Amino acid sequence: MKITFKTRKLQKLANSQAEAQKALGPRMALLFLQRLMELQAAVALSDISRLKPARCHELTGDLAGHLSVDLKHPFRLIFVPANDPVPRKRDGGLDWSKVTEIEIVDILDTH
């Protein structure tokens, strides 16, 4: 899957284990980089497990339209589909099998 980053800071963390560890701590940096590798290795979003440890899922409320994967509790890696246009099913829901590009937007505690 193709991955882009909303900010240079996120891209810098993704490209440097040392920077990720400095900013996120060793455990969270390891999980952050692992999730990025899993996302990059996937052909489409449907290849990412909705079960633990990644637990990929769509968010609701203020973050509707965003998705997340778990990092170190309570933090999540937040991203959005970056395909243009965003692939939809007939019922209007996101077609995970056709999402092949994402944009990483943040690392948040959504609780």
PDB file of N, CA and C in Angstrom:
ATOM      1  N   MET A   1       0.844  -1.158   0.000  1.00  0.00           N
ATOM      2  CA  MET A   1       0.000   0.000   0.000  1.00  0.00           C
ATOM      3  C   MET A   1       0.901   1.236   0.000  1.00  0.00           C
ATOM      4  N   LYS A   2       0.467   2.246  -0.700  1.00  0.00           N
ATOM      5  CA  LYS A   2       1.211   3.497  -0.747  1.00  0.00           C
ATOM      6  C   LYS A   2       0.859   4.322   0.493  1.00  0.00           C
ATOM      7  N   ILE A   3       1.896   4.862   1.161  1.00  0.00           N
ATOM      8  CA  ILE A   3       1.696   5.646   2.379  1.00  0.00           C
ATOM      9  C   ILE A   3       2.314   7.025   2.203  1.00  0.00           C
ATOM     10  N   THR A   4       1.528   8.040   2.527  1.00  0.00           N
ATOM     11  CA  THR A   4       2.031   9.409   2.576  1.00  0.00           C
ATOM     12  C   THR A   4       1.788   9.936   3.994  1.00  0.00           C
ATOM     13  N   PHE A   5       2.343  11.094   4.279  1.00  0.00           N
ATOM     14  CA  PHE A   5       2.260  11.659   5.625  1.00  0.00           C
ATOM     15  C   PHE A   5       1.739  13.085   5.564  1.00  0.00           C
ATOM     16  N   LYS A   6       0.860  13.416   6.502  1.00  0.00           N
ATOM     17  CA  LYS A   6       0.276  14.753   6.542  1.00  0.00           C
ATOM     18  C   LYS A   6       1.320  15.796   6.913  1.00  0.00           C
ATOM     19  N   THR A   7       2.258  15.419   7.799  1.00  0.00           N
ATOM     20  CA  THR A   7       3.267  16.381   8.248  1.00  0.00           C
ATOM     21  C   THR A   7       4.675  15.838   8.021  1.00  0.00           C
ATOM     22  N   ARG A   8       5.601  16.751   7.934  1.00  0.00           N
ATOM     23  CA  ARG A   8       7.015  16.369   7.808  1.00  0.00           C
ATOM     24  C   ARG A   8       7.490  15.677   9.072  1.00  0.00           C
ATOM     25  N   LYS A   9       6.937  16.086  10.213  1.00  0.00           N
ATOM     26  CA  LYS A   9       7.325  15.480  11.488  1.00  0.00           C
ATOM     27  C   LYS A   9       7.008  13.984  11.487  1.00  0.00           C
ATOM     28  N   LEU A  10       5.806  13.613  11.053  1.00  0.00           N
ATOM     29  CA  LEU A  10       5.436  12.201  10.989  1.00  0.00           C
ATOM     30  C   LEU A  10       6.325  11.441  10.006  1.00  0.00           C
ATOM     31  N   GLN A  11       6.618  12.066   8.881  1.00  0.00           N
ATOM     32  CA  GLN A  11       7.484  11.426   7.887  1.00  0.00           C
ATOM     33  C   GLN A  11       8.889  11.216   8.455  1.00  0.00           C
ATOM     34  N   LYS A  12       9.366  12.196   9.206  1.00  0.00           N
ATOM     35  CA  LYS A  12      10.686  12.090   9.817  1.00  0.00           C
ATOM     36  C   LYS A  12      10.725  10.943  10.827  1.00  0.00           C
ATOM     37  N   LEU A  13       9.655  10.798  11.627  1.00  0.00           N
ATOM     38  CA  LEU A  13       9.583   9.697  12.586  1.00  0.00           C
ATOM     39  C   LEU A  13       9.573   8.352  11.870  1.00  0.00           C
ATOM     40  N   ALA A  14       8.882   8.295  10.740  1.00  0.00           N
ATOM     41  CA  ALA A  14       8.776   7.048   9.979  1.00  0.00           C
ATOM     42  C   ALA A  14      10.096   6.668   9.317  1.00  0.00           C
ATOM     43  N   ASN A  15      10.912   7.641   9.021  1.00  0.00           N
ATOM     44  CA  ASN A  15      12.155   7.383   8.301  1.00  0.00           C
ATOM     45  C   ASN A  15      13.379   7.228   9.193  1.00  0.00           C
ATOM     46  N   SER A  16      13.203   7.422  10.499  1.00  0.00           N
ATOM     47  CA  SER A  16      14.349   7.342  11.400  1.00  0.00           C
ATOM     48  C   SER A  16      13.941   6.685  12.713  1.00  0.00           C
ATOM     49  N   GLN A  17      14.468   5.502  12.957  1.00  0.00           N
ATOM     50  CA  GLN A  17      14.165   4.808  14.201  1.00  0.00           C
ATOM     51  C   GLN A  17      14.641   5.632  15.390  1.00  0.00           C
ATOM     52  N   ALA A  18      15.788   6.283  15.258  1.00  0.00           N
ATOM     53  CA  ALA A  18      16.317   7.097  16.354  1.00  0.00           C
ATOM     54  C   ALA A  18      15.379   8.260  16.665  1.00  0.00           C
ATOM     55  N   GLU A  19      14.874   8.925  15.628  1.00  0.00           N
ATOM     56  CA  GLU A  19      13.938  10.034  15.838  1.00  0.00           C
ATOM     57  C   GLU A  19      12.626   9.543  16.440  1.00  0.00           C
ATOM     58  N   ALA A  20      12.161   8.392  15.969  1.00  0.00           N
ATOM     59  CA  ALA A  20      10.921   7.826  16.502  1.00  0.00           C
ATOM     60  C   ALA A  20      11.092   7.485  17.983  1.00  0.00           C
ATOM     61  N   GLN A  21      12.222   6.882  18.350  1.00  0.00           N
ATOM     62  CA  GLN A  21      12.458   6.537  19.748  1.00  0.00           C
ATOM     63  C   GLN A  21      12.572   7.781  20.615  1.00  0.00           C
ATOM     64  N   LYS A  22      13.218   8.792  20.088  1.00  0.00           N
ATOM     65  CA  LYS A  22      13.382  10.046  20.826  1.00  0.00           C
ATOM     66  C   LYS A  22      12.024  10.703  21.093  1.00  0.00           C
ATOM     67  N   ALA A  23      11.152  10.700  20.100  1.00  0.00           N
ATOM     68  CA  ALA A  23       9.865  11.374  20.219  1.00  0.00           C
ATOM     69  C   ALA A  23       8.796  10.525  20.901  1.00  0.00           C
ATOM     70  N   LEU A  24       8.836   9.209  20.691  1.00  0.00           N
ATOM     71  CA  LEU A  24       7.746   8.342  21.142  1.00  0.00           C
ATOM     72  C   LEU A  24       8.122   7.392  22.269  1.00  0.00           C
ATOM     73  N   GLY A  25       9.404   7.222  22.507  1.00  0.00           N
ATOM     74  CA  GLY A  25       9.850   6.221  23.468  1.00  0.00           C
ATOM     75  C   GLY A  25      10.094   4.909  22.743  1.00  0.00           C
ATOM     76  N   PRO A  26      10.903   4.031  23.325  1.00  0.00           N
ATOM     77  CA  PRO A  26      11.295   2.803  22.620  1.00  0.00           C
ATOM     78  C   PRO A  26      10.135   1.886  22.225  1.00  0.00           C
ATOM     79  N   ARG A  27       9.227   1.612  23.146  1.00  0.00           N
ATOM     80  CA  ARG A  27       8.129   0.667  22.868  1.00  0.00           C
ATOM     81  C   ARG A  27       7.176   1.212  21.818  1.00  0.00           C
ATOM     82  N   MET A  28       6.772   2.474  21.962  1.00  0.00           N
ATOM     83  CA  MET A  28       5.825   3.052  21.019  1.00  0.00           C
ATOM     84  C   MET A  28       6.485   3.233  19.650  1.00  0.00           C
ATOM     85  N   ALA A  29       7.764   3.581  19.617  1.00  0.00           N
ATOM     86  CA  ALA A  29       8.470   3.716  18.337  1.00  0.00           C
ATOM     87  C   ALA A  29       8.503   2.375  17.608  1.00  0.00           C
ATOM     88  N   LEU A  30       8.773   1.303  18.354  1.00  0.00           N
ATOM     89  CA  LEU A  30       8.795  -0.032  17.760  1.00  0.00           C
ATOM     90  C   LEU A  30       7.436  -0.373  17.156  1.00  0.00           C
ATOM     91  N   LEU A  31       6.357  -0.124  17.894  1.00  0.00           N
ATOM     92  CA  LEU A  31       5.020  -0.420  17.396  1.00  0.00           C
ATOM     93  C   LEU A  31       4.639   0.476  16.219  1.00  0.00           C
ATOM     94  N   PHE A  32       5.001   1.744  16.282  1.00  0.00           N
ATOM     95  CA  PHE A  32       4.740   2.680  15.186  1.00  0.00           C
ATOM     96  C   PHE A  32       5.394   2.191  13.894  1.00  0.00           C
ATOM     97  N   LEU A  33       6.666   1.856  13.969  1.00  0.00           N
ATOM     98  CA  LEU A  33       7.384   1.404  12.773  1.00  0.00           C
ATOM     99  C   LEU A  33       6.872   0.044  12.294  1.00  0.00           C
ATOM    100  N   GLN A  34       6.487  -0.818  13.224  1.00  0.00           N
ATOM    101  CA  GLN A  34       5.925  -2.118  12.859  1.00  0.00           C
ATOM    102  C   GLN A  34       4.598  -1.941  12.118  1.00  0.00           C
ATOM    103  N   ARG A  35       3.727  -1.083  12.625  1.00  0.00           N
ATOM    104  CA  ARG A  35       2.433  -0.855  11.962  1.00  0.00           C
ATOM    105  C   ARG A  35       2.642  -0.263  10.568  1.00  0.00           C
ATOM    106  N   LEU A  36       3.605   0.638  10.440  1.00  0.00           N
ATOM    107  CA  LEU A  36       3.885   1.204   9.111  1.00  0.00           C
ATOM    108  C   LEU A  36       4.339   0.125   8.144  1.00  0.00           C
ATOM    109  N   MET A  37       5.186  -0.795   8.605  1.00  0.00           N
ATOM    110  CA  MET A  37       5.637  -1.889   7.743  1.00  0.00           C
ATOM    111  C   MET A  37       4.470  -2.789   7.347  1.00  0.00           C
ATOM    112  N   GLU A  38       3.580  -3.071   8.302  1.00  0.00           N
ATOM    113  CA  GLU A  38       2.408  -3.897   8.005  1.00  0.00           C
ATOM    114  C   GLU A  38       1.519  -3.213   6.971  1.00  0.00           C
ATOM    115  N   LEU A  39       1.300  -1.925   7.143  1.00  0.00           N
ATOM    116  CA  LEU A  39       0.463  -1.181   6.196  1.00  0.00           C
ATOM    117  C   LEU A  39       1.111  -1.135   4.814  1.00  0.00           C
ATOM    118  N   GLN A  40       2.400  -0.896   4.789  1.00  0.00           N
ATOM    119  CA  GLN A  40       3.110  -0.815   3.511  1.00  0.00           C
ATOM    120  C   GLN A  40       3.125  -2.163   2.792  1.00  0.00           C
ATOM    121  N   ALA A  41       3.212  -3.248   3.535  1.00  0.00           N
ATOM    122  CA  ALA A  41       3.258  -4.585   2.934  1.00  0.00           C
ATOM    123  C   ALA A  41       1.899  -5.021   2.393  1.00  0.00           C
ATOM    124  N   ALA A  42       0.839  -4.442   2.894  1.00  0.00           N
ATOM    125  CA  ALA A  42      -0.506  -4.813   2.453  1.00  0.00           C
ATOM    126  C   ALA A  42      -0.765  -4.306   1.041  1.00  0.00           C
ATOM    127  N   VAL A  43      -1.501  -5.084   0.273  1.00  0.00           N
ATOM    128  CA  VAL A  43      -1.916  -4.641  -1.064  1.00  0.00           C
ATOM    129  C   VAL A  43      -3.066  -3.649  -0.928  1.00  0.00           C
ATOM    130  N   ALA A  44      -3.984  -3.964  -0.017  1.00  0.00           N
ATOM    131  CA  ALA A  44      -5.143  -3.110   0.234  1.00  0.00           C
ATOM    132  C   ALA A  44      -5.433  -3.111   1.733  1.00  0.00           C
ATOM    133  N   LEU A  45      -6.231  -2.174   2.161  1.00  0.00           N
ATOM    134  CA  LEU A  45      -6.568  -2.045   3.576  1.00  0.00           C
ATOM    135  C   LEU A  45      -7.232  -3.302   4.125  1.00  0.00           C
ATOM    136  N   SER A  46      -7.943  -4.025   3.301  1.00  0.00           N
ATOM    137  CA  SER A  46      -8.601  -5.261   3.741  1.00  0.00           C
ATOM    138  C   SER A  46      -7.604  -6.327   4.188  1.00  0.00           C
ATOM    139  N   ASP A  47      -6.331  -6.180   3.836  1.00  0.00           N
ATOM    140  CA  ASP A  47      -5.306  -7.131   4.256  1.00  0.00           C
ATOM    141  C   ASP A  47      -4.875  -6.932   5.711  1.00  0.00           C
ATOM    142  N   ILE A  48      -5.229  -5.801   6.299  1.00  0.00           N
ATOM    143  CA  ILE A  48      -4.848  -5.497   7.678  1.00  0.00           C
ATOM    144  C   ILE A  48      -5.910  -6.056   8.621  1.00  0.00           C
ATOM    145  N   SER A  49      -5.463  -6.750   9.623  1.00  0.00           N
ATOM    146  CA  SER A  49      -6.380  -7.411  10.549  1.00  0.00           C
ATOM    147  C   SER A  49      -7.200  -6.421  11.365  1.00  0.00           C
ATOM    148  N   ARG A  50      -8.459  -6.774  11.544  1.00  0.00           N
ATOM    149  CA  ARG A  50      -9.322  -5.999  12.428  1.00  0.00           C
ATOM    150  C   ARG A  50      -9.242  -6.554  13.847  1.00  0.00           C
ATOM    151  N   LEU A  51      -8.426  -7.577  14.019  1.00  0.00           N
ATOM    152  CA  LEU A  51      -8.214  -8.182  15.328  1.00  0.00           C
ATOM    153  C   LEU A  51      -6.902  -7.678  15.918  1.00  0.00           C
ATOM    154  N   LYS A  52      -6.733  -7.879  17.219  1.00  0.00           N
ATOM    155  CA  LYS A  52      -5.477  -7.485  17.853  1.00  0.00           C
ATOM    156  C   LYS A  52      -4.344  -8.260  17.217  1.00  0.00           C
ATOM    157  N   PRO A  53      -3.130  -7.760  17.113  1.00  0.00           N
ATOM    158  CA  PRO A  53      -2.663  -6.551  17.751  1.00  0.00           C
ATOM    159  C   PRO A  53      -2.943  -5.271  16.973  1.00  0.00           C
ATOM    160  N   ALA A  54      -3.111  -5.332  15.657  1.00  0.00           N
ATOM    161  CA  ALA A  54      -3.301  -4.099  14.882  1.00  0.00           C
ATOM    162  C   ALA A  54      -4.674  -3.484  15.134  1.00  0.00           C
ATOM    163  N   ARG A  55      -5.724  -4.300  15.098  1.00  0.00           N
ATOM    164  CA  ARG A  55      -7.098  -3.861  15.336  1.00  0.00           C
ATOM    165  C   ARG A  55      -7.445  -2.628  14.488  1.00  0.00           C
ATOM    166  N   CYS A  56      -7.327  -2.777  13.191  1.00  0.00           N
ATOM    167  CA  CYS A  56      -7.659  -1.695  12.264  1.00  0.00           C
ATOM    168  C   CYS A  56      -9.174  -1.492  12.251  1.00  0.00           C
ATOM    169  N   HIS A  57      -9.587  -0.234  12.411  1.00  0.00           N
ATOM    170  CA  HIS A  57     -11.024   0.047  12.417  1.00  0.00           C
ATOM    171  C   HIS A  57     -11.306   1.501  12.061  1.00  0.00           C
ATOM    172  N   GLU A  58     -12.524   1.719  11.587  1.00  0.00           N
ATOM    173  CA  GLU A  58     -12.975   3.068  11.264  1.00  0.00           C
ATOM    174  C   GLU A  58     -13.385   3.773  12.545  1.00  0.00           C
ATOM    175  N   LEU A  59     -13.128   5.075  12.587  1.00  0.00           N
ATOM    176  CA  LEU A  59     -13.466   5.872  13.755  1.00  0.00           C
ATOM    177  C   LEU A  59     -14.792   6.593  13.535  1.00  0.00           C
ATOM    178  N   THR A  60     -15.366   7.067  14.622  1.00  0.00           N
ATOM    179  CA  THR A  60     -16.648   7.769  14.573  1.00  0.00           C
ATOM    180  C   THR A  60     -16.509   9.130  15.244  1.00  0.00           C
ATOM    181  N   GLY A  61     -17.611   9.853  15.318  1.00  0.00           N
ATOM    182  CA  GLY A  61     -17.622  11.145  15.987  1.00  0.00           C
ATOM    183  C   GLY A  61     -16.794  12.175  15.245  1.00  0.00           C
ATOM    184  N   ASP A  62     -15.985  12.923  15.991  1.00  0.00           N
ATOM    185  CA  ASP A  62     -15.149  13.972  15.393  1.00  0.00           C
ATOM    186  C   ASP A  62     -14.132  13.415  14.402  1.00  0.00           C
ATOM    187  N   LEU A  63     -13.816  12.139  14.522  1.00  0.00           N
ATOM    188  CA  LEU A  63     -12.827  11.520  13.634  1.00  0.00           C
ATOM    189  C   LEU A  63     -13.471  10.624  12.574  1.00  0.00           C
ATOM    190  N   ALA A  64     -14.761  10.816  12.315  1.00  0.00           N
ATOM    191  CA  ALA A  64     -15.433  10.055  11.257  1.00  0.00           C
ATOM    192  C   ALA A  64     -14.687  10.259   9.947  1.00  0.00           C
ATOM    193  N   GLY A  65     -14.511   9.178   9.188  1.00  0.00           N
ATOM    194  CA  GLY A  65     -13.760   9.239   7.941  1.00  0.00           C
ATOM    195  C   GLY A  65     -12.299   8.848   8.127  1.00  0.00           C
ATOM    196  N   HIS A  66     -11.863   8.761   9.374  1.00  0.00           N
ATOM    197  CA  HIS A  66     -10.510   8.340   9.703  1.00  0.00           C
ATOM    198  C   HIS A  66     -10.536   6.877  10.127  1.00  0.00           C
ATOM    199  N   LEU A  67      -9.366   6.243  10.050  1.00  0.00           N
ATOM    200  CA  LEU A  67      -9.190   4.874  10.534  1.00  0.00           C
ATOM    201  C   LEU A  67      -8.017   4.878  11.493  1.00  0.00           C
ATOM    202  N   SER A  68      -7.894   3.794  12.253  1.00  0.00           N
ATOM    203  CA  SER A  68      -6.753   3.707  13.155  1.00  0.00           C
ATOM    204  C   SER A  68      -6.301   2.266  13.321  1.00  0.00           C
ATOM    205  N   VAL A  69      -5.049   2.144  13.743  1.00  0.00           N
ATOM    206  CA  VAL A  69      -4.504   0.880  14.212  1.00  0.00           C
ATOM    207  C   VAL A  69      -3.896   1.163  15.582  1.00  0.00           C
ATOM    208  N   ASP A  70      -3.947   0.158  16.444  1.00  0.00           N
ATOM    209  CA  ASP A  70      -3.451   0.327  17.803  1.00  0.00           C
ATOM    210  C   ASP A  70      -1.936   0.407  17.841  1.00  0.00           C
ATOM    211  N   LEU A  71      -1.466   1.252  18.755  1.00  0.00           N
ATOM    212  CA  LEU A  71      -0.057   1.306  19.114  1.00  0.00           C
ATOM    213  C   LEU A  71       0.011   0.867  20.576  1.00  0.00           C
ATOM    214  N   LYS A  72       0.747   1.580  21.387  1.00  0.00           N
ATOM    215  CA  LYS A  72       0.803   1.306  22.825  1.00  0.00           C
ATOM    216  C   LYS A  72      -0.403   1.979  23.462  1.00  0.00           C
ATOM    217  N   HIS A  73      -1.233   1.180  24.160  1.00  0.00           N
ATOM    218  CA  HIS A  73      -2.460   1.719  24.752  1.00  0.00           C
ATOM    219  C   HIS A  73      -2.159   2.948  25.587  1.00  0.00           C
ATOM    220  N   PRO A  74      -2.887   4.034  25.404  1.00  0.00           N
ATOM    221  CA  PRO A  74      -4.129   4.218  24.660  1.00  0.00           C
ATOM    222  C   PRO A  74      -3.924   4.854  23.288  1.00  0.00           C
ATOM    223  N   PHE A  75      -2.710   4.863  22.763  1.00  0.00           N
ATOM    224  CA  PHE A  75      -2.416   5.584  21.534  1.00  0.00           C
ATOM    225  C   PHE A  75      -2.715   4.767  20.286  1.00  0.00           C
ATOM    226  N   ARG A  76      -3.114   5.488  19.239  1.00  0.00           N
ATOM    227  CA  ARG A  76      -3.437   4.885  17.950  1.00  0.00           C
ATOM    228  C   ARG A  76      -2.793   5.685  16.823  1.00  0.00           C
ATOM    229  N   LEU A  77      -2.470   4.979  15.753  1.00  0.00           N
ATOM    230  CA  LEU A  77      -1.978   5.602  14.534  1.00  0.00           C
ATOM    231  C   LEU A  77      -3.205   5.929  13.685  1.00  0.00           C
ATOM    232  N   ILE A  78      -3.410   7.205  13.401  1.00  0.00           N
ATOM    233  CA  ILE A  78      -4.601   7.672  12.707  1.00  0.00           C
ATOM    234  C   ILE A  78      -4.257   7.940  11.242  1.00  0.00           C
ATOM    235  N   PHE A  79      -5.120   7.472  10.333  1.00  0.00           N
ATOM    236  CA  PHE A  79      -4.895   7.688   8.907  1.00  0.00           C
ATOM    237  C   PHE A  79      -6.221   7.800   8.170  1.00  0.00           C
ATOM    238  N   VAL A  80      -6.126   8.264   6.931  1.00  0.00           N
ATOM    239  CA  VAL A  80      -7.300   8.395   6.067  1.00  0.00           C
ATOM    240  C   VAL A  80      -6.994   7.741   4.725  1.00  0.00           C
ATOM    241  N   PRO A  81      -8.018   7.247   4.037  1.00  0.00           N
ATOM    242  CA  PRO A  81      -7.800   6.745   2.677  1.00  0.00           C
ATOM    243  C   PRO A  81      -7.328   7.901   1.786  1.00  0.00           C
ATOM    244  N   ALA A  82      -6.355   7.638   0.943  1.00  0.00           N
ATOM    245  CA  ALA A  82      -5.820   8.689   0.078  1.00  0.00           C
ATOM    246  C   ALA A  82      -6.108   8.434  -1.395  1.00  0.00           C
ATOM    247  N   ASN A  83      -6.846   7.375  -1.713  1.00  0.00           N
ATOM    248  CA  ASN A  83      -7.237   7.143  -3.100  1.00  0.00           C
ATOM    249  C   ASN A  83      -8.126   8.301  -3.553  1.00  0.00           C
ATOM    250  N   ASP A  84      -8.024   8.670  -4.812  1.00  0.00           N
ATOM    251  CA  ASP A  84      -8.858   9.744  -5.350  1.00  0.00           C
ATOM    252  C   ASP A  84      -9.612   9.205  -6.556  1.00  0.00           C
ATOM    253  N   PRO A  85     -10.911   8.973  -6.422  1.00  0.00           N
ATOM    254  CA  PRO A  85     -11.764   9.199  -5.256  1.00  0.00           C
ATOM    255  C   PRO A  85     -11.640   8.060  -4.250  1.00  0.00           C
ATOM    256  N   VAL A  86     -12.103   8.328  -3.024  1.00  0.00           N
ATOM    257  CA  VAL A  86     -12.112   7.304  -1.985  1.00  0.00           C
ATOM    258  C   VAL A  86     -13.083   6.205  -2.421  1.00  0.00           C
ATOM    259  N   PRO A  87     -12.627   4.944  -2.460  1.00  0.00           N
ATOM    260  CA  PRO A  87     -13.500   3.845  -2.912  1.00  0.00           C
ATOM    261  C   PRO A  87     -14.641   3.576  -1.931  1.00  0.00           C
ATOM    262  N   ARG A  88     -15.839   3.516  -2.474  1.00  0.00           N
ATOM    263  CA  ARG A  88     -17.041   3.291  -1.659  1.00  0.00           C
ATOM    264  C   ARG A  88     -17.805   2.086  -2.166  1.00  0.00           C
ATOM    265  N   LYS A  89     -18.502   1.423  -1.243  1.00  0.00           N
ATOM    266  CA  LYS A  89     -19.422   0.353  -1.605  1.00  0.00           C
ATOM    267  C   LYS A  89     -20.742   0.993  -2.019  1.00  0.00           C
ATOM    268  N   ARG A  90     -21.632   0.190  -2.536  1.00  0.00           N
ATOM    269  CA  ARG A  90     -22.943   0.712  -2.958  1.00  0.00           C
ATOM    270  C   ARG A  90     -23.713   1.344  -1.809  1.00  0.00           C
ATOM    271  N   ASP A  91     -23.516   0.808  -0.586  1.00  0.00           N
ATOM    272  CA  ASP A  91     -24.232   1.359   0.565  1.00  0.00           C
ATOM    273  C   ASP A  91     -23.578   2.624   1.115  1.00  0.00           C
ATOM    274  N   GLY A  92     -22.475   3.066   0.494  1.00  0.00           N
ATOM    275  CA  GLY A  92     -21.783   4.285   0.908  1.00  0.00           C
ATOM    276  C   GLY A  92     -20.627   4.049   1.857  1.00  0.00           C
ATOM    277  N   GLY A  93     -20.509   2.836   2.360  1.00  0.00           N
ATOM    278  CA  GLY A  93     -19.408   2.513   3.264  1.00  0.00           C
ATOM    279  C   GLY A  93     -18.085   2.421   2.520  1.00  0.00           C
ATOM    280  N   LEU A  94     -17.013   2.503   3.262  1.00  0.00           N
ATOM    281  CA  LEU A  94     -15.675   2.424   2.700  1.00  0.00           C
ATOM    282  C   LEU A  94     -15.406   1.016   2.174  1.00  0.00           C
ATOM    283  N   ASP A  95     -14.906   0.912   0.944  1.00  0.00           N
ATOM    284  CA  ASP A  95     -14.554  -0.381   0.357  1.00  0.00           C
ATOM    285  C   ASP A  95     -13.088  -0.678   0.669  1.00  0.00           C
ATOM    286  N   TRP A  96     -12.867  -1.365   1.785  1.00  0.00           N
ATOM    287  CA  TRP A  96     -11.518  -1.655   2.269  1.00  0.00           C
ATOM    288  C   TRP A  96     -10.679  -2.397   1.237  1.00  0.00           C
ATOM    289  N   SER A  97     -11.307  -3.203   0.414  1.00  0.00           N
ATOM    290  CA  SER A  97     -10.559  -4.003  -0.560  1.00  0.00           C
ATOM    291  C   SER A  97      -9.982  -3.152  -1.693  1.00  0.00           C
ATOM    292  N   LYS A  98     -10.440  -1.928  -1.823  1.00  0.00           N
ATOM    293  CA  LYS A  98      -9.951  -1.050  -2.889  1.00  0.00           C
ATOM    294  C   LYS A  98      -9.142   0.137  -2.380  1.00  0.00           C
ATOM    295  N   VAL A  99      -8.966   0.229  -1.069  1.00  0.00           N
ATOM    296  CA  VAL A  99      -8.118   1.283  -0.499  1.00  0.00           C
ATOM    297  C   VAL A  99      -6.674   0.815  -0.610  1.00  0.00           C
ATOM    298  N   THR A 100      -5.924   1.444  -1.505  1.00  0.00           N
ATOM    299  CA  THR A 100      -4.539   1.068  -1.755  1.00  0.00           C
ATOM    300  C   THR A 100      -3.566   2.192  -1.431  1.00  0.00           C
ATOM    301  N   GLU A 101      -4.098   3.322  -0.984  1.00  0.00           N
ATOM    302  CA  GLU A 101      -3.277   4.472  -0.608  1.00  0.00           C
ATOM    303  C   GLU A 101      -3.856   5.076   0.660  1.00  0.00           C
ATOM    304  N   ILE A 102      -2.959   5.396   1.610  1.00  0.00           N
ATOM    305  CA  ILE A 102      -3.404   6.051   2.835  1.00  0.00           C
ATOM    306  C   ILE A 102      -2.484   7.222   3.164  1.00  0.00           C
ATOM    307  N   GLU A 103      -3.017   8.138   3.963  1.00  0.00           N
ATOM    308  CA  GLU A 103      -2.221   9.250   4.474  1.00  0.00           C
ATOM    309  C   GLU A 103      -2.235   9.154   5.997  1.00  0.00           C
ATOM    310  N   ILE A 104      -1.056   9.065   6.601  1.00  0.00           N
ATOM    311  CA  ILE A 104      -0.914   9.058   8.051  1.00  0.00           C
ATOM    312  C   ILE A 104      -1.104  10.490   8.521  1.00  0.00           C
ATOM    313  N   VAL A 105      -2.058  10.694   9.448  1.00  0.00           N
ATOM    314  CA  VAL A 105      -2.356  12.066   9.879  1.00  0.00           C
ATOM    315  C   VAL A 105      -1.946  12.380  11.309  1.00  0.00           C
ATOM    316  N   ASP A 106      -1.853  11.357  12.191  1.00  0.00           N
ATOM    317  CA  ASP A 106      -1.521  11.682  13.577  1.00  0.00           C
ATOM    318  C   ASP A 106      -1.303  10.420  14.400  1.00  0.00           C
ATOM    319  N   ILE A 107      -0.795  10.623  15.583  1.00  0.00           N
ATOM    320  CA  ILE A 107      -0.735   9.608  16.639  1.00  0.00           C
ATOM    321  C   ILE A 107      -1.485  10.219  17.799  1.00  0.00           C
ATOM    322  N   LEU A 108      -2.595   9.593  18.195  1.00  0.00           N
ATOM    323  CA  LEU A 108      -3.485  10.189  19.185  1.00  0.00           C
ATOM    324  C   LEU A 108      -3.954   9.189  20.237  1.00  0.00           C
ATOM    325  N   ASP A 109      -4.313   9.742  21.390  1.00  0.00           N
ATOM    326  CA  ASP A 109      -5.092   9.015  22.383  1.00  0.00           C
ATOM    327  C   ASP A 109      -6.538   9.406  22.085  1.00  0.00           C
ATOM    328  N   THR A 110      -7.302   8.527  21.496  1.00  0.00           N
ATOM    329  CA  THR A 110      -8.670   8.863  21.089  1.00  0.00           C
ATOM    330  C   THR A 110      -9.688   8.607  22.193  1.00  0.00           C
ATOM    331  N   HIS A 111      -9.244   8.219  23.355  1.00  0.00           N
ATOM    332  CA  HIS A 111     -10.172   7.917  24.451  1.00  0.00           C
ATOM    333  C   HIS A 111     -10.471   9.154  25.280  1.00  0.00           C
TER     334      HIS A 111
END
